[in-house]
Amino acid sequence: MKKIVALFFIVGFGSVMYAQQLPQLTQYTVNNYAINPAIAGMYDYYQVNTTIRNQWVGINDAPKTTILSIYGKKSEHVGFGGKVYNDQAGPWSKLGGSLSYTYHVSLSPTVKAAFALSGGFSQFKISNDVQFENPEPGFGELVRAVPDAIFGFNAYGKNWYAGLSIPQLLAYSPDLYNENIYNTQGLESEGKLVRHYYVLGAYKHQIDPFWSVEPSLLLKAVAASPTQIDIGVKATYDDKLWFGTGYRTNGDIACLLGYTFNERYVFGYSYDITTGEIGTASNGSHEFMLGIRFIKNRESDIMNKE
């Protein structure tokens, strides 16, 4: 029975294993630490962000993702961060957490670079909710936990940043497959956690005192899988109301909307229009983001209160 479940894991998620072992995010510039841990310390304050994503709504057992991250600046050269997440698709789920340390150096009076290392764990589980005609007695869940690490680099200036991150750096295997099945079926995937390579960048252009526009790019490369590129643009009014759109090279089109209250509380929503064969069966993907920024009171605010 375990062999059958392992085969289900490999075959059923074989295309996902290399193309999307890690969660898909549309609001990657808002919760950018979830992509690259070297972001921690780039801002002068700590912040907490929660992302909730329901992908391919309308399809049974479609992926659902929740990410909670906290990160910020400890000192001039040091940033700390951490995140926990849960990613689930049908009977398969992945739960994990990590902590990161980031060190910042000055390359010039206006440009800095940050190097980060994140360490934690990932727990994989295949539940016993899968129904078989002749289940073996005493069959239970398959659970495996493996160590995980991420390397991150980020260069940034006043209105821009660009960096590289390598999730699943250790490339461990959770051993959810059986060698006999793998050899006899000739499967290309061993259920191994392959390294991903993310390139994330954004530039904020101030048009006038009220309006700004921010183009962004997220490139995702994985071995044995086509490189995927997310291109986005976001317009912001008065540092409060923002809206934008994005395009993913798999054909998805995204619409984004958000609002920032008192510079501290952030709400974002995005809707992905899914194309291709999946698009005919699903109603798109919904993603919600809630954030809190622990910004210190400015001197002008203190004077106004007095």
Protein backbone atom coordinates (compact mmCIF):
# COMPACT_ATOMS: atom_id res chain seq x y z
CA MET A 1 0.00 0.00 0.00
CA LYS A 2 2.79 2.42 0.80
CA LYS A 3 4.26 1.67 -2.59
CA ILE A 4 0.98 2.62 -4.21
CA VAL A 5 0.74 5.87 -2.26
CA ALA A 6 4.36 6.70 -3.06
CA LEU A 7 3.66 6.09 -6.73
CA PHE A 8 0.61 8.36 -6.45
CA PHE A 9 2.84 11.03 -4.96
CA ILE A 10 5.40 10.81 -7.74
CA VAL A 11 3.04 10.45 -10.69
CA GLY A 12 0.23 12.67 -9.46
CA PHE A 13 2.54 15.49 -8.50
CA GLY A 14 5.38 14.74 -10.89
CA SER A 15 4.70 17.82 -12.97
CA VAL A 16 4.34 19.89 -9.81
CA MET A 17 7.49 18.48 -8.23
CA TYR A 18 9.75 20.36 -10.59
CA ALA A 19 7.50 23.14 -11.85
CA GLN A 20 5.99 24.13 -8.51
CA GLN A 21 7.57 22.44 -5.50
CA LEU A 22 7.34 25.84 -3.84
CA PRO A 23 4.18 27.94 -3.52
CA GLN A 24 3.17 30.31 -6.28
CA LEU A 25 2.81 33.96 -5.17
CA THR A 26 1.33 36.88 -7.08
CA GLN A 27 1.95 39.64 -4.50
CA TYR A 28 5.66 38.86 -4.34
CA THR A 29 6.71 42.52 -4.04
CA VAL A 30 4.54 43.02 -0.94
CA ASN A 31 5.67 39.88 0.91
CA ASN A 32 9.10 39.83 -0.76
CA TYR A 33 10.83 38.19 2.21
CA ALA A 34 8.91 35.02 1.35
CA ILE A 35 10.94 34.96 -1.89
CA ASN A 36 14.34 36.17 -0.67
CA PRO A 37 15.53 36.22 3.00
CA ALA A 38 18.15 38.87 2.11
CA ILE A 39 15.28 41.39 2.08
CA ALA A 40 15.39 41.42 5.91
CA GLY A 41 17.04 44.67 7.02
CA MET A 42 16.42 46.54 3.77
CA TYR A 43 13.61 48.45 5.48
CA ASP A 44 14.16 50.46 8.68
CA TYR A 45 11.42 48.64 10.57
CA TYR A 46 10.12 45.19 11.40
CA GLN A 47 7.00 43.93 9.68
CA VAL A 48 4.67 40.93 9.79
CA ASN A 49 3.00 39.69 6.61
CA THR A 50 0.45 36.95 6.13
CA THR A 51 -0.35 35.54 2.69
CA ILE A 52 -3.30 33.23 2.05
CA ARG A 53 -3.65 31.79 -1.45
CA ASN A 54 -6.34 29.56 -2.93
CA GLN A 55 -5.15 28.38 -6.31
CA TRP A 56 -7.35 27.09 -9.16
CA VAL A 57 -10.64 27.64 -7.35
CA GLY A 58 -13.28 25.18 -8.55
CA ILE A 59 -10.90 22.23 -8.89
CA ASN A 60 -11.09 19.63 -6.15
CA ASP A 61 -7.96 19.33 -3.98
CA ALA A 62 -6.32 22.34 -5.67
CA PRO A 63 -3.28 23.90 -3.92
CA LYS A 64 -3.86 26.08 -0.86
CA THR A 65 -1.02 28.04 0.71
CA THR A 66 -0.59 30.04 3.92
CA ILE A 67 2.61 31.95 4.73
CA LEU A 68 3.41 34.01 7.85
CA SER A 69 6.65 36.00 7.81
CA ILE A 70 8.30 38.48 10.18
CA TYR A 71 11.47 40.34 9.30
CA GLY A 72 13.26 43.60 9.86
CA LYS A 73 16.39 45.58 10.70
CA LYS A 74 18.27 44.77 13.90
CA SER A 75 21.14 47.21 13.35
CA GLU A 76 22.92 49.00 10.54
CA HIS A 77 24.49 45.79 9.25
CA VAL A 78 22.18 43.05 10.57
CA GLY A 79 18.68 41.91 9.70
CA PHE A 80 16.64 39.08 11.21
CA GLY A 81 13.64 37.21 9.87
CA GLY A 82 11.55 34.09 10.06
CA LYS A 83 8.58 32.43 8.44
CA VAL A 84 6.21 29.50 8.79
CA TYR A 85 4.14 28.09 5.98
CA ASN A 86 1.71 25.38 5.01
CA ASP A 87 1.17 24.21 1.43
CA GLN A 88 -1.48 21.61 0.66
CA ALA A 89 -2.78 19.92 -2.49
CA GLY A 90 -5.22 17.08 -1.97
CA PRO A 91 -3.78 14.41 0.35
CA TRP A 92 -0.28 15.89 0.02
CA SER A 93 0.89 18.69 2.34
CA LYS A 94 4.08 20.49 3.28
CA LEU A 95 4.60 22.30 6.57
CA GLY A 96 7.74 24.18 7.45
CA GLY A 97 9.49 26.99 9.25
CA SER A 98 12.80 28.81 9.13
CA LEU A 99 14.89 31.59 10.68
CA SER A 100 17.30 33.82 8.78
CA TYR A 101 20.32 36.03 9.41
CA THR A 102 21.22 38.81 6.98
CA TYR A 103 24.39 40.90 6.84
CA HIS A 104 24.47 44.22 4.98
CA VAL A 105 27.52 45.96 3.53
CA SER A 106 27.89 49.32 1.75
CA LEU A 107 29.10 49.17 -1.84
CA SER A 108 28.87 52.95 -2.29
CA PRO A 109 27.21 55.90 -0.53
CA THR A 110 23.92 55.00 -2.25
CA VAL A 111 24.11 51.25 -2.86
CA LYS A 112 24.16 48.39 -0.34
CA ALA A 113 24.34 44.61 -0.62
CA ALA A 114 22.95 41.96 1.71
CA PHE A 115 23.85 38.28 2.16
CA ALA A 116 21.47 35.95 3.96
CA LEU A 117 21.32 32.37 5.12
CA SER A 118 18.06 30.82 6.27
CA GLY A 119 17.77 27.47 8.04
CA GLY A 120 14.81 25.40 9.13
CA PHE A 121 12.82 22.27 8.34
CA SER A 122 10.10 20.98 6.04
CA GLN A 123 7.63 18.24 6.93
CA PHE A 124 5.92 16.33 4.15
CA LYS A 125 2.80 14.29 4.64
CA ILE A 126 0.54 12.10 2.54
CA SER A 127 -2.70 11.55 4.43
CA ASN A 128 -4.61 8.29 4.53
CA ASP A 129 -7.71 9.96 3.09
CA VAL A 130 -6.91 8.35 -0.28
CA GLN A 131 -9.47 5.61 -0.90
CA PHE A 132 -8.39 2.18 -2.21
CA GLU A 133 -10.46 -0.90 -2.97
CA ASN A 134 -8.30 -3.22 -0.85
CA PRO A 135 -6.43 -1.14 1.76
CA GLU A 136 -3.90 -2.93 3.93
CA PRO A 137 -4.74 -3.27 7.64
CA GLY A 138 -3.08 -0.70 9.85
CA PHE A 139 -2.22 1.60 6.98
CA GLY A 140 -1.53 5.12 8.21
CA GLU A 141 -0.15 8.43 7.09
CA LEU A 142 3.27 8.88 5.53
CA VAL A 143 5.19 11.67 7.27
CA ARG A 144 8.77 12.77 6.62
CA ALA A 145 10.74 15.75 7.95
CA VAL A 146 13.93 17.06 6.38
CA PRO A 147 16.24 20.01 7.07
CA ASP A 148 16.02 22.95 4.71
CA ALA A 149 18.12 26.03 3.91
CA ILE A 150 17.96 29.10 1.68
CA PHE A 151 20.77 31.35 0.45
CA GLY A 152 19.91 34.92 -0.47
CA PHE A 153 21.65 37.92 -1.99
CA ASN A 154 20.14 41.37 -2.48
CA ALA A 155 21.54 44.65 -3.80
CA TYR A 156 19.49 47.79 -3.25
CA GLY A 157 19.35 51.56 -3.37
CA LYS A 158 16.84 54.24 -2.46
CA ASN A 159 14.16 53.24 -4.98
CA TRP A 160 15.20 49.81 -6.25
CA TYR A 161 16.39 46.35 -5.32
CA ALA A 162 17.47 43.21 -7.17
CA GLY A 163 18.63 39.89 -5.82
CA LEU A 164 19.00 36.14 -6.08
CA SER A 165 17.76 33.43 -3.73
CA ILE A 166 18.24 29.65 -3.79
CA PRO A 167 15.50 27.83 -1.84
CA GLN A 168 15.85 24.13 -0.99
CA LEU A 169 19.60 24.62 -0.99
CA LEU A 170 20.30 21.25 0.65
CA ALA A 171 18.27 19.33 -1.95
CA TYR A 172 17.23 16.61 0.51
CA SER A 173 14.83 13.83 -0.39
CA PRO A 174 11.91 13.14 1.97
CA ASP A 175 12.04 9.44 0.91
CA LEU A 176 8.38 9.25 0.03
CA TYR A 177 8.99 6.92 -2.87
CA ASN A 178 10.06 3.32 -3.18
CA GLU A 179 13.22 2.45 -5.13
CA ASN A 180 11.59 -0.59 -6.75
CA ILE A 181 8.74 1.55 -8.08
CA TYR A 182 11.17 4.19 -9.27
CA ASN A 183 13.32 1.69 -11.15
CA THR A 184 10.50 -0.28 -12.75
CA GLN A 185 8.43 2.72 -13.79
CA GLY A 186 11.35 4.67 -15.23
CA LEU A 187 10.20 7.86 -13.51
CA GLU A 188 12.31 10.99 -14.01
CA SER A 189 11.58 12.38 -10.55
CA GLU A 190 12.75 10.75 -7.34
CA GLY A 191 10.57 13.00 -5.22
CA LYS A 192 13.73 14.98 -4.47
CA LEU A 193 13.64 18.58 -3.29
CA VAL A 194 15.45 20.27 -6.15
CA ARG A 195 17.12 23.66 -5.85
CA HIS A 196 15.17 26.62 -7.15
CA TYR A 197 16.77 29.82 -8.41
CA TYR A 198 14.78 33.01 -7.95
CA VAL A 199 15.71 36.43 -9.31
CA LEU A 200 13.57 39.19 -7.81
CA GLY A 201 13.76 42.90 -8.56
CA ALA A 202 11.67 46.06 -8.49
CA TYR A 203 12.09 49.79 -9.19
CA LYS A 204 9.88 52.55 -7.78
CA HIS A 205 9.59 55.67 -9.96
CA GLN A 206 8.04 58.77 -8.38
CA ILE A 207 5.95 60.51 -11.04
CA ASP A 208 4.82 63.43 -8.86
CA PRO A 209 4.23 64.05 -5.12
CA PHE A 210 1.19 61.75 -5.18
CA TRP A 211 1.71 59.07 -7.84
CA SER A 212 4.41 56.45 -8.18
CA VAL A 213 4.78 53.41 -10.43
CA GLU A 214 6.72 50.25 -9.62
CA PRO A 215 7.60 47.70 -12.30
CA SER A 216 8.81 44.33 -10.99
CA LEU A 217 10.18 41.02 -12.21
CA LEU A 218 10.40 37.55 -10.70
CA LEU A 219 12.31 34.86 -12.59
CA LYS A 220 12.01 31.26 -11.40
CA ALA A 221 14.37 28.60 -12.72
CA VAL A 222 14.30 24.92 -11.76
CA ALA A 223 16.27 22.01 -13.20
CA ALA A 224 14.38 19.99 -15.85
CA SER A 225 11.59 22.57 -16.02
CA PRO A 226 10.95 25.62 -18.22
CA THR A 227 11.99 28.93 -16.69
CA GLN A 228 9.00 30.98 -15.58
CA ILE A 229 8.95 34.78 -15.57
CA ASP A 230 6.48 36.98 -13.71
CA ILE A 231 6.28 40.58 -14.92
CA GLY A 232 4.27 43.12 -12.96
CA VAL A 233 3.58 46.82 -12.60
CA LYS A 234 1.97 48.56 -9.64
CA ALA A 235 0.74 52.14 -9.36
CA THR A 236 0.43 53.80 -5.93
CA TYR A 237 -1.48 56.95 -4.97
CA ASP A 238 -0.38 58.96 -1.94
CA ASP A 239 1.51 55.94 -0.54
CA LYS A 240 -1.88 54.43 0.35
CA LEU A 241 -3.99 53.08 -2.49
CA TRP A 242 -2.27 50.78 -4.97
CA PHE A 243 -3.38 48.67 -7.89
CA GLY A 244 -1.62 46.84 -10.68
CA THR A 245 -1.44 43.95 -13.07
CA GLY A 246 0.92 41.12 -13.89
CA TYR A 247 1.66 38.52 -16.51
CA ARG A 248 3.17 35.07 -16.03
CA THR A 249 4.81 33.25 -18.93
CA ASN A 250 2.55 30.24 -18.38
CA GLY A 251 -0.24 32.50 -19.63
CA ASP A 252 -1.74 33.64 -16.30
CA ILE A 253 -2.85 37.26 -15.97
CA ALA A 254 -3.12 38.88 -12.54
CA CYS A 255 -5.01 41.88 -11.14
CA LEU A 256 -3.90 43.45 -7.85
CA LEU A 257 -5.48 45.91 -5.42
CA GLY A 258 -4.43 47.08 -1.99
CA TYR A 259 -4.52 49.80 0.64
CA THR A 260 -2.21 50.96 3.42
CA PHE A 261 -3.75 52.45 6.58
CA ASN A 262 -1.71 54.97 8.60
CA GLU A 263 1.50 53.68 6.95
CA ARG A 264 1.30 50.63 9.22
CA TYR A 265 -1.54 48.31 8.22
CA VAL A 266 -1.49 46.78 4.76
CA PHE A 267 -4.22 44.87 2.96
CA GLY A 268 -3.74 43.36 -0.50
CA TYR A 269 -5.79 41.22 -2.81
CA SER A 270 -4.98 39.66 -6.17
CA TYR A 271 -6.89 37.55 -8.64
CA ASP A 272 -5.18 35.35 -11.22
CA ILE A 273 -6.97 34.62 -14.47
CA THR A 274 -5.84 31.10 -15.32
CA THR A 275 -5.47 30.16 -18.98
CA GLY A 276 -4.91 26.88 -20.79
CA GLU A 277 -6.56 23.58 -19.92
CA ILE A 278 -6.65 24.35 -16.19
CA GLY A 279 -8.38 27.66 -16.91
CA THR A 280 -11.36 25.89 -18.47
CA ALA A 281 -11.94 23.93 -15.25
CA SER A 282 -11.10 26.54 -12.60
CA ASN A 283 -12.36 29.97 -11.60
CA GLY A 284 -8.90 31.45 -11.22
CA SER A 285 -6.79 31.94 -8.09
CA HIS A 286 -7.40 34.24 -5.10
CA GLU A 287 -4.63 35.62 -2.89
CA PHE A 288 -5.04 37.76 0.25
CA MET A 289 -2.27 39.59 2.10
CA LEU A 290 -2.40 41.25 5.53
CA GLY A 291 0.58 43.12 6.95
CA ILE A 292 1.64 45.19 9.96
CA ARG A 293 4.63 47.54 9.85
CA PHE A 294 6.20 48.50 13.17
CA ILE A 295 7.28 51.97 12.07
CA LYS A 296 8.65 54.33 14.68
CA ASN A 297 6.70 57.52 15.25
CA ARG A 298 8.07 60.40 13.26
CA GLU A 299 9.01 63.64 15.00
CA SER A 300 6.23 65.49 13.15
CA ASP A 301 3.64 63.02 14.45
CA ILE A 302 4.86 63.45 18.04
CA MET A 303 4.71 67.25 17.73
CA ASN A 304 1.15 67.09 16.39
CA LYS A 305 0.03 64.96 19.35
CA GLU A 306 1.51 67.46 21.77
